[in-house]
C-alpha atoms as a PDB file:
ATOM      1  CA  MET A   1     111.863 121.247  99.869  1.00  0.00           C
ATOM      2  CA  ALA A   2     109.959 117.808 100.287  1.00  0.00           C
ATOM      3  CA  GLU A   3     112.173 115.696 102.546  1.00  0.00           C
ATOM      4  CA  SER A   4     110.693 118.192 105.413  1.00  0.00           C
ATOM      5  CA  MET A   5     107.152 117.425 104.636  1.00  0.00           C
ATOM      6  CA  LEU A   6     104.806 115.051 106.832  1.00  0.00           C
ATOM      7  CA  LEU A   7     101.449 114.283 105.519  1.00  0.00           C
ATOM      8  CA  LEU A   8      99.229 111.884 108.099  1.00  0.00           C
ATOM      9  CA  TRP A   9      96.180 110.375 105.491  1.00  0.00           C
ATOM     10  CA  GLY A  10      93.999 107.284 106.119  1.00  0.00           C
ATOM     11  CA  SER A  11      93.246 104.870 103.018  1.00  0.00           C
ATOM     12  CA  GLY A  12      89.789 105.601 101.569  1.00  0.00           C
ATOM     13  CA  SER A  13      89.633 109.459 102.874  1.00  0.00           C
ATOM     14  CA  PRO A  14      88.904 111.335  99.170  1.00  0.00           C
ATOM     15  CA  PRO A  15      90.678 114.680 101.015  1.00  0.00           C
ATOM     16  CA  CYS A  16      93.313 112.758 102.013  1.00  0.00           C
ATOM     17  CA  TRP A  17      93.752 111.369  98.292  1.00  0.00           C
ATOM     18  CA  ARG A  18      93.573 114.847  97.133  1.00  0.00           C
ATOM     19  CA  VAL A  19      96.415 115.703  98.630  1.00  0.00           C
ATOM     20  CA  THR A  20      98.681 112.838  97.878  1.00  0.00           C
ATOM     21  CA  ILE A  21      97.638 113.629  93.834  1.00  0.00           C
ATOM     22  CA  ALA A  22      98.384 117.436  94.660  1.00  0.00           C
ATOM     23  CA  LEU A  23     101.899 116.520  96.075  1.00  0.00           C
ATOM     24  CA  GLU A  24     102.751 113.742  93.110  1.00  0.00           C
ATOM     25  CA  GLU A  25     101.434 115.822  90.946  1.00  0.00           C
ATOM     26  CA  LYS A  26     104.432 118.547  91.744  1.00  0.00           C
ATOM     27  CA  LYS A  27     106.480 116.034  91.449  1.00  0.00           C
ATOM     28  CA  LEU A  28     107.425 116.436  95.303  1.00  0.00           C
ATOM     29  CA  GLN A  29     108.443 112.825  95.701  1.00  0.00           C
ATOM     30  CA  GLY A  30     110.143 112.259  99.079  1.00  0.00           C
ATOM     31  CA  TYR A  31     107.492 113.799 101.746  1.00  0.00           C
ATOM     32  CA  LYS A  32     107.288 111.606 104.228  1.00  0.00           C
ATOM     33  CA  GLY A  33     103.277 109.895 104.548  1.00  0.00           C
ATOM     34  CA  LYS A  34     102.279 107.877 107.139  1.00  0.00           C
ATOM     35  CA  LEU A  35      99.019 105.561 106.531  1.00  0.00           C
ATOM     36  CA  LEU A  36      96.681 105.509 109.958  1.00  0.00           C
ATOM     37  CA  SER A  37      93.704 103.229 110.045  1.00  0.00           C
ATOM     38  CA  PHE A  38      90.304 104.555 110.913  1.00  0.00           C
ATOM     39  CA  GLU A  39      89.584 101.107 112.132  1.00  0.00           C
ATOM     40  CA  ARG A  40      91.703 100.848 114.753  1.00  0.00           C
ATOM     41  CA  MET A  41      91.531 104.913 115.897  1.00  0.00           C
ATOM     42  CA  GLU A  42      94.699 105.833 114.503  1.00  0.00           C
ATOM     43  CA  HIS A  43      93.746 109.189 113.666  1.00  0.00           C
ATOM     44  CA  LYS A  44      93.011 109.500 117.366  1.00  0.00           C
ATOM     45  CA  SER A  45      96.461 108.785 118.403  1.00  0.00           C
ATOM     46  CA  ASN A  46      98.275 111.340 120.442  1.00  0.00           C
ATOM     47  CA  GLU A  47     100.465 111.907 117.158  1.00  0.00           C
ATOM     48  CA  VAL A  48      98.007 113.190 114.778  1.00  0.00           C
ATOM     49  CA  LEU A  49      96.152 115.042 118.052  1.00  0.00           C
ATOM     50  CA  GLU A  50      99.692 117.106 118.064  1.00  0.00           C
ATOM     51  CA  ILE A  51      99.131 118.339 115.310  1.00  0.00           C
ATOM     52  CA  ASN A  52      95.070 118.246 114.454  1.00  0.00           C
ATOM     53  CA  PRO A  53      93.495 118.518 118.139  1.00  0.00           C
ATOM     54  CA  ARG A  54      90.361 118.018 115.922  1.00  0.00           C
ATOM     55  CA  GLY A  55      91.994 114.618 115.130  1.00  0.00           C
ATOM     56  CA  GLN A  56      90.840 114.322 111.524  1.00  0.00           C
ATOM     57  CA  LEU A  57      93.018 113.136 108.140  1.00  0.00           C
ATOM     58  CA  PRO A  58      94.646 114.697 106.507  1.00  0.00           C
ATOM     59  CA  SER A  59      97.399 116.880 108.743  1.00  0.00           C
ATOM     60  CA  PHE A  60     100.010 118.106 106.691  1.00  0.00           C
ATOM     61  CA  ARG A  61     103.230 119.254 108.372  1.00  0.00           C
ATOM     62  CA  HIS A  62     106.403 121.173 106.419  1.00  0.00           C
ATOM     63  CA  GLY A  63     108.681 122.683 108.873  1.00  0.00           C
ATOM     64  CA  LYS A  64     106.941 124.738 111.709  1.00  0.00           C
ATOM     65  CA  ILE A  65     103.120 125.389 108.984  1.00  0.00           C
ATOM     66  CA  VAL A  66     100.820 123.071 109.780  1.00  0.00           C
ATOM     67  CA  LEU A  67      97.853 122.245 107.461  1.00  0.00           C
ATOM     68  CA  ASN A  68      94.114 120.538 108.476  1.00  0.00           C
ATOM     69  CA  GLU A  69      92.436 120.678 105.477  1.00  0.00           C
ATOM     70  CA  SER A  70      92.718 119.277 102.039  1.00  0.00           C
ATOM     71  CA  ILE A  71      91.855 122.463 100.016  1.00  0.00           C
ATOM     72  CA  GLY A  72      94.232 124.217 102.069  1.00  0.00           C
ATOM     73  CA  ILE A  73      97.122 122.219 101.706  1.00  0.00           C
ATOM     74  CA  CYS A  74      96.782 122.318  98.029  1.00  0.00           C
ATOM     75  CA  LEU A  75      96.611 125.915  97.570  1.00  0.00           C
ATOM     76  CA  TYR A  76      99.823 126.334  99.907  1.00  0.00           C
ATOM     77  CA  LEU A  77     101.125 123.237  97.517  1.00  0.00           C
ATOM     78  CA  GLU A  78     100.519 125.652  94.762  1.00  0.00           C
ATOM     79  CA  VAL A  79     101.864 128.886  96.494  1.00  0.00           C
ATOM     80  CA  ARG A  80     105.067 127.229  97.787  1.00  0.00           C
ATOM     81  CA  ARG A  81     105.309 125.635  94.076  1.00  0.00           C
ATOM     82  CA  PHE A  82     104.664 129.380  92.061  1.00  0.00           C
ATOM     83  CA  PHE A  83     106.931 131.456  94.003  1.00  0.00           C
ATOM     84  CA  PHE A  84     109.292 129.533  94.583  1.00  0.00           C
ATOM     85  CA  SER A  85     109.956 127.614  91.618  1.00  0.00           C
ATOM     86  CA  PRO A  86     112.346 128.685  88.244  1.00  0.00           C
ATOM     87  CA  GLU A  87     109.275 129.547  86.559  1.00  0.00           C
ATOM     88  CA  GLY A  88     107.068 130.818  88.840  1.00  0.00           C
ATOM     89  CA  PHE A  89     109.896 133.708  89.300  1.00  0.00           C
ATOM     90  CA  ARG A  90     109.005 134.113  85.312  1.00  0.00           C
ATOM     91  CA  ARG A  91     104.897 134.393  85.918  1.00  0.00           C
ATOM     92  CA  LYS A  92     105.161 135.998  89.448  1.00  0.00           C
ATOM     93  CA  CYS A  93     104.941 139.597  88.335  1.00  0.00           C
ATOM     94  CA  CYS A  94     101.171 139.066  86.721  1.00  0.00           C
ATOM     95  CA  PHE A  95     100.434 137.635  90.511  1.00  0.00           C
ATOM     96  CA  PHE A  96     100.049 141.462  91.381  1.00  0.00           C
ATOM     97  CA  LYS A  97      98.332 142.732  88.880  1.00  0.00           C
ATOM     98  CA  PRO A  98      94.662 143.873  90.334  1.00  0.00           C
ATOM     99  CA  GLU A  99      92.736 142.903  87.252  1.00  0.00           C
ATOM    100  CA  THR A 100      94.347 139.255  87.093  1.00  0.00           C
ATOM    101  CA  ARG A 101      92.395 137.002  89.502  1.00  0.00           C
ATOM    102  CA  PHE A 102      93.865 134.561  91.593  1.00  0.00           C
ATOM    103  CA  SER A 103      92.510 131.476  90.249  1.00  0.00           C
ATOM    104  CA  SER A 104      93.573 132.517  86.647  1.00  0.00           C
ATOM    105  CA  VAL A 105      96.924 132.688  88.332  1.00  0.00           C
ATOM    106  CA  LEU A 106      96.840 129.261  89.182  1.00  0.00           C
ATOM    107  CA  SER A 107      95.255 127.506  86.704  1.00  0.00           C
END
């Protein structure tokens, strides 16, 4: 799963750190990460603008799915792990109970 993931990130950016920490915590080693320099304006390059027209980092692509907000990326990674991992299948039934809050399922 991680081999098809691409993360464009910049050093010194807390939102970028948030995503890299989430990827490591979920043991998704093997993703492609590209460090871009804010000083050299690499975050405004054509490569980044194809993924994120605003030219902001982090930018994340998994197959055809593109996400450009760190919280959205972290939520996507959690939901993917929840639904597509063996332990997620065992817990999935509680996800659909109306009285279950989304935040309590993810914790």
